[in-house]
Every structure is written in C-alpha cells, then in structure tokens.
All heavy atoms as atom14 arrays in JSON, in Angstrom:
{
  "sequence": "CAASGGTFSFNVMGWYRQAPGKQRELVASITSGITTKYTDPVKGRFT",
  "atom14_mask": [
    [1, 1, 1, 1, 1, 1, 0, 0, 0, 0, 0, 0, 0, 0],
    [1, 1, 1, 1, 1, 0, 0, 0, 0, 0, 0, 0, 0, 0],
    [1, 1, 1, 1, 1, 0, 0, 0, 0, 0, 0, 0, 0, 0],
    [1, 1, 1, 1, 1, 1, 0, 0, 0, 0, 0, 0, 0, 0],
    [1, 1, 1, 1, 0, 0, 0, 0, 0, 0, 0, 0, 0, 0],
    [1, 1, 1, 1, 0, 0, 0, 0, 0, 0, 0, 0, 0, 0],
    [1, 1, 1, 1, 1, 1, 1, 0, 0, 0, 0, 0, 0, 0],
    [1, 1, 1, 1, 1, 1, 1, 1, 1, 1, 1, 0, 0, 0],
    [1, 1, 1, 1, 1, 1, 0, 0, 0, 0, 0, 0, 0, 0],
    [1, 1, 1, 1, 1, 1, 1, 1, 1, 1, 1, 0, 0, 0],
    [1, 1, 1, 1, 1, 1, 1, 1, 0, 0, 0, 0, 0, 0],
    [1, 1, 1, 1, 1, 1, 1, 0, 0, 0, 0, 0, 0, 0],
    [1, 1, 1, 1, 1, 1, 1, 1, 0, 0, 0, 0, 0, 0],
    [1, 1, 1, 1, 0, 0, 0, 0, 0, 0, 0, 0, 0, 0],
    [1, 1, 1, 1, 1, 1, 1, 1, 1, 1, 1, 1, 1, 1],
    [1, 1, 1, 1, 1, 1, 1, 1, 1, 1, 1, 1, 0, 0],
    [1, 1, 1, 1, 1, 1, 1, 1, 1, 1, 1, 0, 0, 0],
    [1, 1, 1, 1, 1, 1, 1, 1, 1, 0, 0, 0, 0, 0],
    [1, 1, 1, 1, 1, 0, 0, 0, 0, 0, 0, 0, 0, 0],
    [1, 1, 1, 1, 1, 1, 1, 0, 0, 0, 0, 0, 0, 0],
    [1, 1, 1, 1, 0, 0, 0, 0, 0, 0, 0, 0, 0, 0],
    [1, 1, 1, 1, 1, 1, 1, 1, 1, 0, 0, 0, 0, 0],
    [1, 1, 1, 1, 1, 1, 1, 1, 1, 0, 0, 0, 0, 0],
    [1, 1, 1, 1, 1, 1, 1, 1, 1, 1, 1, 0, 0, 0],
    [1, 1, 1, 1, 1, 1, 1, 1, 1, 0, 0, 0, 0, 0],
    [1, 1, 1, 1, 1, 1, 1, 1, 0, 0, 0, 0, 0, 0],
    [1, 1, 1, 1, 1, 1, 1, 0, 0, 0, 0, 0, 0, 0],
    [1, 1, 1, 1, 1, 0, 0, 0, 0, 0, 0, 0, 0, 0],
    [1, 1, 1, 1, 1, 1, 0, 0, 0, 0, 0, 0, 0, 0],
    [1, 1, 1, 1, 1, 1, 1, 1, 0, 0, 0, 0, 0, 0],
    [1, 1, 1, 1, 1, 1, 1, 0, 0, 0, 0, 0, 0, 0],
    [1, 1, 1, 1, 1, 1, 0, 0, 0, 0, 0, 0, 0, 0],
    [1, 1, 1, 1, 0, 0, 0, 0, 0, 0, 0, 0, 0, 0],
    [1, 1, 1, 1, 1, 1, 1, 1, 0, 0, 0, 0, 0, 0],
    [1, 1, 1, 1, 1, 1, 1, 0, 0, 0, 0, 0, 0, 0],
    [1, 1, 1, 1, 1, 1, 1, 0, 0, 0, 0, 0, 0, 0],
    [1, 1, 1, 1, 1, 1, 1, 1, 1, 0, 0, 0, 0, 0],
    [1, 1, 1, 1, 1, 1, 1, 1, 1, 1, 1, 1, 0, 0],
    [1, 1, 1, 1, 1, 1, 1, 0, 0, 0, 0, 0, 0, 0],
    [1, 1, 1, 1, 1, 1, 1, 1, 0, 0, 0, 0, 0, 0],
    [1, 1, 1, 1, 1, 1, 1, 0, 0, 0, 0, 0, 0, 0],
    [1, 1, 1, 1, 1, 1, 1, 0, 0, 0, 0, 0, 0, 0],
    [1, 1, 1, 1, 1, 1, 1, 1, 1, 0, 0, 0, 0, 0],
    [1, 1, 1, 1, 0, 0, 0, 0, 0, 0, 0, 0, 0, 0],
    [1, 1, 1, 1, 1, 1, 1, 1, 1, 1, 1, 0, 0, 0],
    [1, 1, 1, 1, 1, 1, 1, 1, 1, 1, 1, 0, 0, 0],
    [1, 1, 1, 1, 1, 1, 1, 0, 0, 0, 0, 0, 0, 0]
  ],
  "atom14_positions": [
    [[0.86, -1.18, 0.0], [0.0, 0.0, 0.0], [0.89, 1.23, 0.0], [1.63, 1.46, 0.96], [-0.91, 0.0, 1.22], [-1.89, 1.51, 1.41], [0.0, 0.0, 0.0], [0.0, 0.0, 0.0], [0.0, 0.0, 0.0], [0.0, 0.0, 0.0], [0.0, 0.0, 0.0], [0.0, 0.0, 0.0], [0.0, 0.0, 0.0], [0.0, 0.0, 0.0]],
    [[0.8, 1.98, -1.08], [1.59, 3.2, -1.21], [0.69, 4.4, -0.97], [-0.36, 4.54, -1.6], [2.22, 3.27, -2.59], [0.0, 0.0, 0.0], [0.0, 0.0, 0.0], [0.0, 0.0, 0.0], [0.0, 0.0, 0.0], [0.0, 0.0, 0.0], [0.0, 0.0, 0.0], [0.0, 0.0, 0.0], [0.0, 0.0, 0.0], [0.0, 0.0, 0.0]],
    [[1.12, 5.26, -0.04], [0.35, 6.45, 0.29], [1.02, 7.67, -0.33], [2.23, 7.86, -0.19], [0.27, 6.62, 1.8], [0.0, 0.0, 0.0], [0.0, 0.0, 0.0], [0.0, 0.0, 0.0], [0.0, 0.0, 0.0], [0.0, 0.0, 0.0], [0.0, 0.0, 0.0], [0.0, 0.0, 0.0], [0.0, 0.0, 0.0], [0.0, 0.0, 0.0]],
    [[0.24, 8.47, -1.0], [0.77, 9.69, -1.61], [-0.09, 10.87, -1.2], [-1.22, 10.71, -0.75], [0.8, 9.55, -3.12], [-0.51, 9.35, -3.63], [0.0, 0.0, 0.0], [0.0, 0.0, 0.0], [0.0, 0.0, 0.0], [0.0, 0.0, 0.0], [0.0, 0.0, 0.0], [0.0, 0.0, 0.0], [0.0, 0.0, 0.0], [0.0, 0.0, 0.0]],
    [[0.44, 12.06, -1.4], [-0.33, 13.26, -1.1], [0.11, 13.98, 0.15], [-0.5, 14.96, 0.55], [0.0, 0.0, 0.0], [0.0, 0.0, 0.0], [0.0, 0.0, 0.0], [0.0, 0.0, 0.0], [0.0, 0.0, 0.0], [0.0, 0.0, 0.0], [0.0, 0.0, 0.0], [0.0, 0.0, 0.0], [0.0, 0.0, 0.0], [0.0, 0.0, 0.0]],
    [[1.17, 13.51, 0.81], [1.66, 14.19, 1.99], [3.17, 14.11, 2.08], [3.77, 13.16, 1.57], [0.0, 0.0, 0.0], [0.0, 0.0, 0.0], [0.0, 0.0, 0.0], [0.0, 0.0, 0.0], [0.0, 0.0, 0.0], [0.0, 0.0, 0.0], [0.0, 0.0, 0.0], [0.0, 0.0, 0.0], [0.0, 0.0, 0.0], [0.0, 0.0, 0.0]],
    [[3.75, 15.07, 2.72], [5.2, 15.08, 2.9], [5.59, 14.64, 4.29], [6.74, 14.72, 4.67], [5.75, 16.49, 2.64], [5.11, 17.41, 3.55], [5.48, 16.93, 1.21], [0.0, 0.0, 0.0], [0.0, 0.0, 0.0], [0.0, 0.0, 0.0], [0.0, 0.0, 0.0], [0.0, 0.0, 0.0], [0.0, 0.0, 0.0], [0.0, 0.0, 0.0]],
    [[4.63, 14.21, 5.06], [4.84, 13.78, 6.43], [4.83, 12.26, 6.5], [4.43, 11.58, 5.56], [3.73, 14.34, 7.32], [2.36, 14.16, 6.72], [1.68, 12.96, 6.85], [1.76, 15.18, 6.0], [0.43, 12.77, 6.28], [0.52, 15.01, 5.43], [-0.15, 13.8, 5.57], [0.0, 0.0, 0.0], [0.0, 0.0, 0.0], [0.0, 0.0, 0.0]],
    [[5.27, 11.74, 7.64], [5.22, 10.31, 7.89], [3.95, 9.99, 8.67], [3.6, 10.7, 9.61], [6.45, 9.88, 8.69], [6.43, 8.48, 8.93], [0.0, 0.0, 0.0], [0.0, 0.0, 0.0], [0.0, 0.0, 0.0], [0.0, 0.0, 0.0], [0.0, 0.0, 0.0], [0.0, 0.0, 0.0], [0.0, 0.0, 0.0], [0.0, 0.0, 0.0]],
    [[3.26, 8.95, 8.29], [2.02, 8.59, 8.96], [2.3, 7.97, 10.32], [3.21, 7.16, 10.48], [1.21, 7.64, 8.1], [0.7, 8.28, 6.85], [1.39, 8.15, 5.66], [-0.45, 9.05, 6.88], [0.94, 8.77, 4.5], [-0.92, 9.66, 5.73], [-0.22, 9.52, 4.55], [0.0, 0.0, 0.0], [0.0, 0.0, 0.0], [0.0, 0.0, 0.0]],
    [[1.49, 8.36, 11.31], [1.69, 7.85, 12.66], [1.46, 6.34, 12.72], [2.22, 5.61, 13.37], [0.73, 8.53, 13.64], [1.16, 9.96, 13.93], [2.13, 10.45, 13.37], [0.44, 10.63, 14.82], [0.0, 0.0, 0.0], [0.0, 0.0, 0.0], [0.0, 0.0, 0.0], [0.0, 0.0, 0.0], [0.0, 0.0, 0.0], [0.0, 0.0, 0.0]],
    [[0.41, 5.89, 12.07], [0.07, 4.48, 12.08], [-0.29, 4.06, 10.66], [-0.99, 4.8, 9.94], [-1.13, 4.17, 13.0], [-1.4, 2.66, 13.04], [-0.9, 4.7, 14.4], [0.0, 0.0, 0.0], [0.0, 0.0, 0.0], [0.0, 0.0, 0.0], [0.0, 0.0, 0.0], [0.0, 0.0, 0.0], [0.0, 0.0, 0.0], [0.0, 0.0, 0.0]],
    [[0.18, 2.9, 10.26], [-0.19, 2.31, 8.97], [-0.63, 0.88, 9.27], [-0.01, 0.2, 10.12], [0.98, 2.31, 7.99], [1.59, 3.69, 7.78], [2.93, 3.71, 6.56], [1.98, 3.78, 5.02], [0.0, 0.0, 0.0], [0.0, 0.0, 0.0], [0.0, 0.0, 0.0], [0.0, 0.0, 0.0], [0.0, 0.0, 0.0], [0.0, 0.0, 0.0]],
    [[-1.7, 0.45, 8.63], [-2.19, -0.88, 8.96], [-3.04, -1.5, 7.89], [-3.31, -0.9, 6.84], [0.0, 0.0, 0.0], [0.0, 0.0, 0.0], [0.0, 0.0, 0.0], [0.0, 0.0, 0.0], [0.0, 0.0, 0.0], [0.0, 0.0, 0.0], [0.0, 0.0, 0.0], [0.0, 0.0, 0.0], [0.0, 0.0, 0.0], [0.0, 0.0, 0.0]],
    [[-3.41, -2.72, 8.17], [-4.27, -3.49, 7.28], [-5.47, -4.01, 8.06], [-5.32, -4.53, 9.17], [-3.5, -4.67, 6.69], [-2.44, -4.27, 5.73], [-1.11, -4.05, 6.01], [-2.6, -4.03, 4.33], [-0.45, -3.69, 4.87], [-1.34, -3.66, 3.82], [-3.68, -4.09, 3.45], [-1.14, -3.36, 2.48], [-3.48, -3.79, 2.12], [-2.23, -3.44, 1.65]],
    [[-6.64, -3.87, 7.45], [-7.88, -4.44, 7.96], [-8.39, -5.42, 6.93], [-7.97, -5.39, 5.77], [-8.92, -3.33, 8.18], [-8.64, -2.43, 9.36], [-7.58, -1.52, 9.33], [-9.43, -2.47, 10.5], [-7.32, -0.69, 10.4], [-9.19, -1.64, 11.57], [-8.15, -0.75, 11.52], [-7.9, 0.08, 12.59], [0.0, 0.0, 0.0], [0.0, 0.0, 0.0]],
    [[-9.32, -6.26, 7.33], [-9.96, -7.15, 6.38], [-11.44, -7.3, 6.7], [-11.85, -7.15, 7.87], [-9.29, -8.52, 6.35], [-9.43, -9.34, 7.61], [-8.6, -10.62, 7.5], [-8.69, -11.44, 8.71], [-7.96, -12.54, 8.91], [-7.09, -12.95, 7.98], [-8.1, -13.24, 10.03], [0.0, 0.0, 0.0], [0.0, 0.0, 0.0], [0.0, 0.0, 0.0]],
    [[-12.2, -7.6, 5.69], [-13.62, -7.8, 5.86], [-14.06, -9.0, 5.01], [-13.96, -8.96, 3.78], [-14.42, -6.56, 5.47], [-15.9, -6.66, 5.78], [-16.61, -5.33, 5.68], [-16.12, -4.38, 5.07], [-17.77, -5.22, 6.31], [0.0, 0.0, 0.0], [0.0, 0.0, 0.0], [0.0, 0.0, 0.0], [0.0, 0.0, 0.0], [0.0, 0.0, 0.0]],
    [[-14.5, -10.03, 5.69], [-15.01, -11.21, 5.02], [-16.51, -11.04, 4.81], [-17.17, -10.27, 5.52], [-14.73, -12.45, 5.86], [0.0, 0.0, 0.0], [0.0, 0.0, 0.0], [0.0, 0.0, 0.0], [0.0, 0.0, 0.0], [0.0, 0.0, 0.0], [0.0, 0.0, 0.0], [0.0, 0.0, 0.0], [0.0, 0.0, 0.0], [0.0, 0.0, 0.0]],
    [[-17.1, -11.76, 3.85], [-18.54, -11.64, 3.59], [-19.36, -11.91, 4.85], [-19.15, -12.9, 5.55], [-18.79, -12.71, 2.53], [-17.49, -12.86, 1.83], [-16.45, -12.67, 2.9], [0.0, 0.0, 0.0], [0.0, 0.0, 0.0], [0.0, 0.0, 0.0], [0.0, 0.0, 0.0], [0.0, 0.0, 0.0], [0.0, 0.0, 0.0], [0.0, 0.0, 0.0]],
    [[-20.27, -11.0, 5.15], [-21.14, -11.16, 6.3], [-20.51, -10.86, 7.64], [-21.13, -11.06, 8.69], [0.0, 0.0, 0.0], [0.0, 0.0, 0.0], [0.0, 0.0, 0.0], [0.0, 0.0, 0.0], [0.0, 0.0, 0.0], [0.0, 0.0, 0.0], [0.0, 0.0, 0.0], [0.0, 0.0, 0.0], [0.0, 0.0, 0.0], [0.0, 0.0, 0.0]],
    [[-19.27, -10.38, 7.62], [-18.58, -10.08, 8.87], [-18.16, -8.63, 8.93], [-18.12, -7.94, 7.92], [-17.35, -10.98, 9.02], [-17.68, -12.46, 9.18], [-16.43, -13.26, 9.5], [-16.78, -14.72, 9.74], [-15.56, -15.52, 10.09], [0.0, 0.0, 0.0], [0.0, 0.0, 0.0], [0.0, 0.0, 0.0], [0.0, 0.0, 0.0], [0.0, 0.0, 0.0]],
    [[-17.87, -8.18, 10.14], [-17.4, -6.8, 10.32], [-15.94, -6.67, 9.91], [-15.18, -7.64, 9.95], [-17.58, -6.38, 11.79], [-19.02, -6.18, 12.2], [-19.13, -5.56, 13.57], [-18.26, -5.74, 14.43], [-20.19, -4.8, 13.82], [0.0, 0.0, 0.0], [0.0, 0.0, 0.0], [0.0, 0.0, 0.0], [0.0, 0.0, 0.0], [0.0, 0.0, 0.0]],
    [[-15.58, -5.48, 9.53], [-14.18, -5.21, 9.22], [-13.36, -5.32, 10.51], [-13.77, -4.8, 11.57], [-14.03, -3.81, 8.62], [-12.66, -3.52, 8.04], [-12.64, -2.19, 7.32], [-13.55, -2.16, 6.18], [-13.58, -1.17, 5.29], [-12.76, -0.13, 5.42], [-14.44, -1.2, 4.29], [0.0, 0.0, 0.0], [0.0, 0.0, 0.0], [0.0, 0.0, 0.0]],
    [[-12.21, -5.98, 10.43], [-11.38, -6.17, 11.61], [-9.93, -5.79, 11.31], [-9.46, -5.91, 10.18], [-11.42, -7.64, 12.07], [-10.86, -8.63, 11.07], [-10.74, -10.03, 11.61], [-10.96, -10.27, 12.81], [-10.39, -10.94, 10.81], [0.0, 0.0, 0.0], [0.0, 0.0, 0.0], [0.0, 0.0, 0.0], [0.0, 0.0, 0.0], [0.0, 0.0, 0.0]],
    [[-9.24, -5.37, 12.36], [-7.82, -5.05, 12.24], [-7.04, -6.35, 12.07], [-7.21, -7.28, 12.84], [-7.33, -4.3, 13.47], [-5.83, -4.03, 13.53], [-5.41, -3.05, 12.45], [-5.45, -3.51, 14.91], [0.0, 0.0, 0.0], [0.0, 0.0, 0.0], [0.0, 0.0, 0.0], [0.0, 0.0, 0.0], [0.0, 0.0, 0.0], [0.0, 0.0, 0.0]],
    [[-6.16, -6.38, 11.09], [-5.27, -7.52, 10.9], [-3.92, -7.24, 11.54], [-3.41, -8.03, 12.33], [-5.08, -7.83, 9.4], [-4.08, -8.97, 9.22], [-6.41, -8.15, 8.75], [0.0, 0.0, 0.0], [0.0, 0.0, 0.0], [0.0, 0.0, 0.0], [0.0, 0.0, 0.0], [0.0, 0.0, 0.0], [0.0, 0.0, 0.0], [0.0, 0.0, 0.0]],
    [[-3.34, -6.09, 11.2], [-2.03, -5.73, 11.72], [-1.83, -4.23, 11.56], [-2.38, -3.63, 10.64], [-0.91, -6.49, 11.01], [0.0, 0.0, 0.0], [0.0, 0.0, 0.0], [0.0, 0.0, 0.0], [0.0, 0.0, 0.0], [0.0, 0.0, 0.0], [0.0, 0.0, 0.0], [0.0, 0.0, 0.0], [0.0, 0.0, 0.0], [0.0, 0.0, 0.0]],
    [[-1.03, -3.68, 12.45], [-0.7, -2.26, 12.34], [0.74, -2.04, 12.77], [1.33, -2.87, 13.49], [-1.64, -1.41, 13.2], [-1.46, -1.7, 14.58], [0.0, 0.0, 0.0], [0.0, 0.0, 0.0], [0.0, 0.0, 0.0], [0.0, 0.0, 0.0], [0.0, 0.0, 0.0], [0.0, 0.0, 0.0], [0.0, 0.0, 0.0], [0.0, 0.0, 0.0]],
    [[1.29, -0.91, 12.33], [2.67, -0.57, 12.65], [2.75, 0.93, 12.82], [2.22, 1.69, 12.01], [3.64, -1.09, 11.57], [5.09, -0.81, 11.96], [3.3, -0.52, 10.19], [6.1, -1.58, 11.08], [0.0, 0.0, 0.0], [0.0, 0.0, 0.0], [0.0, 0.0, 0.0], [0.0, 0.0, 0.0], [0.0, 0.0, 0.0], [0.0, 0.0, 0.0]],
    [[3.39, 1.36, 13.9], [3.51, 2.78, 14.17], [4.78, 3.35, 13.54], [5.63, 2.61, 13.04], [3.54, 3.05, 15.67], [4.79, 2.54, 16.19], [2.38, 2.38, 16.38], [0.0, 0.0, 0.0], [0.0, 0.0, 0.0], [0.0, 0.0, 0.0], [0.0, 0.0, 0.0], [0.0, 0.0, 0.0], [0.0, 0.0, 0.0], [0.0, 0.0, 0.0]],
    [[4.91, 4.66, 13.62], [6.12, 5.3, 13.11], [7.34, 4.89, 13.92], [8.46, 4.94, 13.43], [5.96, 6.82, 13.13], [5.63, 7.27, 14.42], [0.0, 0.0, 0.0], [0.0, 0.0, 0.0], [0.0, 0.0, 0.0], [0.0, 0.0, 0.0], [0.0, 0.0, 0.0], [0.0, 0.0, 0.0], [0.0, 0.0, 0.0], [0.0, 0.0, 0.0]],
    [[7.09, 4.43, 15.16], [8.18, 3.92, 15.99], [8.41, 2.44, 15.81], [9.14, 1.82, 16.59], [0.0, 0.0, 0.0], [0.0, 0.0, 0.0], [0.0, 0.0, 0.0], [0.0, 0.0, 0.0], [0.0, 0.0, 0.0], [0.0, 0.0, 0.0], [0.0, 0.0, 0.0], [0.0, 0.0, 0.0], [0.0, 0.0, 0.0], [0.0, 0.0, 0.0]],
    [[7.78, 1.85, 14.79], [7.92, 0.45, 14.4], [7.4, -0.5, 15.48], [7.89, -1.61, 15.65], [9.38, 0.1, 14.02], [9.98, 1.21, 13.15], [9.43, -1.18, 13.21], [9.22, 1.44, 11.84], [0.0, 0.0, 0.0], [0.0, 0.0, 0.0], [0.0, 0.0, 0.0], [0.0, 0.0, 0.0], [0.0, 0.0, 0.0], [0.0, 0.0, 0.0]],
    [[6.4, -0.05, 16.22], [5.7, -0.96, 17.12], [4.6, -1.64, 16.32], [3.82, -0.97, 15.64], [5.09, -0.2, 18.3], [6.14, 0.4, 19.05], [4.3, -1.14, 19.2], [0.0, 0.0, 0.0], [0.0, 0.0, 0.0], [0.0, 0.0, 0.0], [0.0, 0.0, 0.0], [0.0, 0.0, 0.0], [0.0, 0.0, 0.0], [0.0, 0.0, 0.0]],
    [[4.54, -2.96, 16.4], [3.57, -3.7, 15.61], [2.51, -4.34, 16.49], [2.74, -4.62, 17.68], [4.25, -4.79, 14.77], [4.95, -5.68, 15.65], [5.22, -4.19, 13.79], [0.0, 0.0, 0.0], [0.0, 0.0, 0.0], [0.0, 0.0, 0.0], [0.0, 0.0, 0.0], [0.0, 0.0, 0.0], [0.0, 0.0, 0.0], [0.0, 0.0, 0.0]],
    [[1.37, -4.57, 15.9], [0.27, -5.24, 16.58], [-0.42, -6.15, 15.57], [-0.57, -5.78, 14.41], [-0.73, -4.22, 17.13], [-1.9, -4.82, 17.86], [-2.68, -3.76, 18.64], [-3.31, -2.72, 17.76], [-4.15, -1.77, 18.53], [0.0, 0.0, 0.0], [0.0, 0.0, 0.0], [0.0, 0.0, 0.0], [0.0, 0.0, 0.0], [0.0, 0.0, 0.0]],
    [[-0.81, -7.35, 16.03], [-1.46, -8.32, 15.17], [-2.69, -8.89, 15.85], [-2.72, -9.08, 17.07], [-0.52, -9.49, 14.85], [0.73, -9.13, 14.09], [1.9, -8.79, 14.77], [0.75, -9.13, 12.7], [3.05, -8.44, 14.08], [1.9, -8.8, 12.0], [3.04, -8.45, 12.69], [4.18, -8.12, 12.0], [0.0, 0.0, 0.0], [0.0, 0.0, 0.0]],
    [[-3.69, -9.21, 15.05], [-4.81, -9.95, 15.59], [-4.37, -11.39, 15.81], [-3.53, -11.91, 15.06], [-6.03, -9.88, 14.64], [-7.16, -10.47, 15.27], [-5.75, -10.59, 13.33], [0.0, 0.0, 0.0], [0.0, 0.0, 0.0], [0.0, 0.0, 0.0], [0.0, 0.0, 0.0], [0.0, 0.0, 0.0], [0.0, 0.0, 0.0], [0.0, 0.0, 0.0]],
    [[-4.9, -12.04, 16.84], [-4.41, -13.36, 17.22], [-4.39, -14.39, 16.09], [-3.42, -15.15, 15.96], [-5.23, -13.9, 18.4], [-4.86, -13.23, 19.71], [-3.81, -12.58, 19.78], [-5.64, -13.37, 20.68], [0.0, 0.0, 0.0], [0.0, 0.0, 0.0], [0.0, 0.0, 0.0], [0.0, 0.0, 0.0], [0.0, 0.0, 0.0], [0.0, 0.0, 0.0]],
    [[-5.41, -14.47, 15.25], [-5.42, -15.53, 14.21], [-4.28, -15.45, 13.2], [-4.01, -16.44, 12.51], [-6.77, -15.33, 13.52], [-7.63, -14.67, 14.53], [-6.7, -13.76, 15.27], [0.0, 0.0, 0.0], [0.0, 0.0, 0.0], [0.0, 0.0, 0.0], [0.0, 0.0, 0.0], [0.0, 0.0, 0.0], [0.0, 0.0, 0.0], [0.0, 0.0, 0.0]],
    [[-3.6, -14.31, 13.1], [-2.54, -14.19, 12.09], [-1.15, -14.15, 12.71], [-0.15, -14.14, 11.98], [-2.74, -12.94, 11.2], [-4.16, -12.9, 10.64], [-2.42, -11.66, 11.94], [0.0, 0.0, 0.0], [0.0, 0.0, 0.0], [0.0, 0.0, 0.0], [0.0, 0.0, 0.0], [0.0, 0.0, 0.0], [0.0, 0.0, 0.0], [0.0, 0.0, 0.0]],
    [[-1.08, -14.16, 14.02], [0.23, -14.1, 14.68], [1.07, -15.3, 14.28], [0.61, -16.44, 14.28], [0.06, -14.06, 16.19], [-0.43, -12.72, 16.72], [-0.57, -12.74, 18.24], [-1.04, -11.38, 18.75], [-1.26, -11.38, 20.21], [0.0, 0.0, 0.0], [0.0, 0.0, 0.0], [0.0, 0.0, 0.0], [0.0, 0.0, 0.0], [0.0, 0.0, 0.0]],
    [[2.32, -15.02, 13.93], [3.23, -16.08, 13.51], [3.14, -16.4, 12.03], [3.99, -17.14, 11.51], [0.0, 0.0, 0.0], [0.0, 0.0, 0.0], [0.0, 0.0, 0.0], [0.0, 0.0, 0.0], [0.0, 0.0, 0.0], [0.0, 0.0, 0.0], [0.0, 0.0, 0.0], [0.0, 0.0, 0.0], [0.0, 0.0, 0.0], [0.0, 0.0, 0.0]],
    [[2.13, -15.88, 11.35], [1.97, -16.15, 9.91], [2.12, -14.89, 9.07], [2.62, -14.93, 7.94], [0.6, -16.77, 9.63], [0.36, -18.09, 10.35], [-0.94, -18.75, 9.88], [-2.12, -17.96, 10.19], [-2.98, -17.52, 9.28], [-2.8, -17.79, 7.99], [-4.04, -16.82, 9.65], [0.0, 0.0, 0.0], [0.0, 0.0, 0.0], [0.0, 0.0, 0.0]],
    [[1.65, -13.76, 9.59], [1.69, -12.5, 8.86], [2.76, -11.59, 9.46], [2.97, -11.6, 10.68], [0.35, -11.79, 8.93], [-0.78, -12.45, 8.18], [-0.66, -13.72, 7.64], [-1.98, -11.77, 8.01], [-1.7, -14.32, 6.96], [-3.04, -12.35, 7.32], [-2.9, -13.63, 6.8], [0.0, 0.0, 0.0], [0.0, 0.0, 0.0], [0.0, 0.0, 0.0]],
    [[3.38, -10.78, 8.62], [4.35, -9.8, 9.07], [4.07, -8.47, 8.4], [4.01, -8.4, 7.17], [5.78, -10.24, 8.75], [6.05, -11.52, 9.36], [6.79, -9.23, 9.28], [0.0, 0.0, 0.0], [0.0, 0.0, 0.0], [0.0, 0.0, 0.0], [0.0, 0.0, 0.0], [0.0, 0.0, 0.0], [0.0, 0.0, 0.0], [0.0, 0.0, 0.0]]
  ]
}
C-alpha cells in the first residue's frame, strides 16, 4: 500500500480485512516507531 499526497510520515499504517457477512477487523498495524500489533489468528503467519 503506497500512500501519496503528503510530505509527512504517517503515525500508524495498517491493514484491515472484511469477510462476507462479517465486520471489518484489524489484521495488523505498525507505528512510526515500528511498534507492531497483530490480531491473534494471524500471529506467527503474517508480518
């Protein structure tokens, strides 16, 4: 995912997903300080 339109660094960048009939959920996020967070089902598989 490439973000354009700003000369600043984004505080948080992340990925969400939405399966049919389900709510959108956070998959993973990463801060400008490189702190990461993952939803439990993807831990160890997604980076």
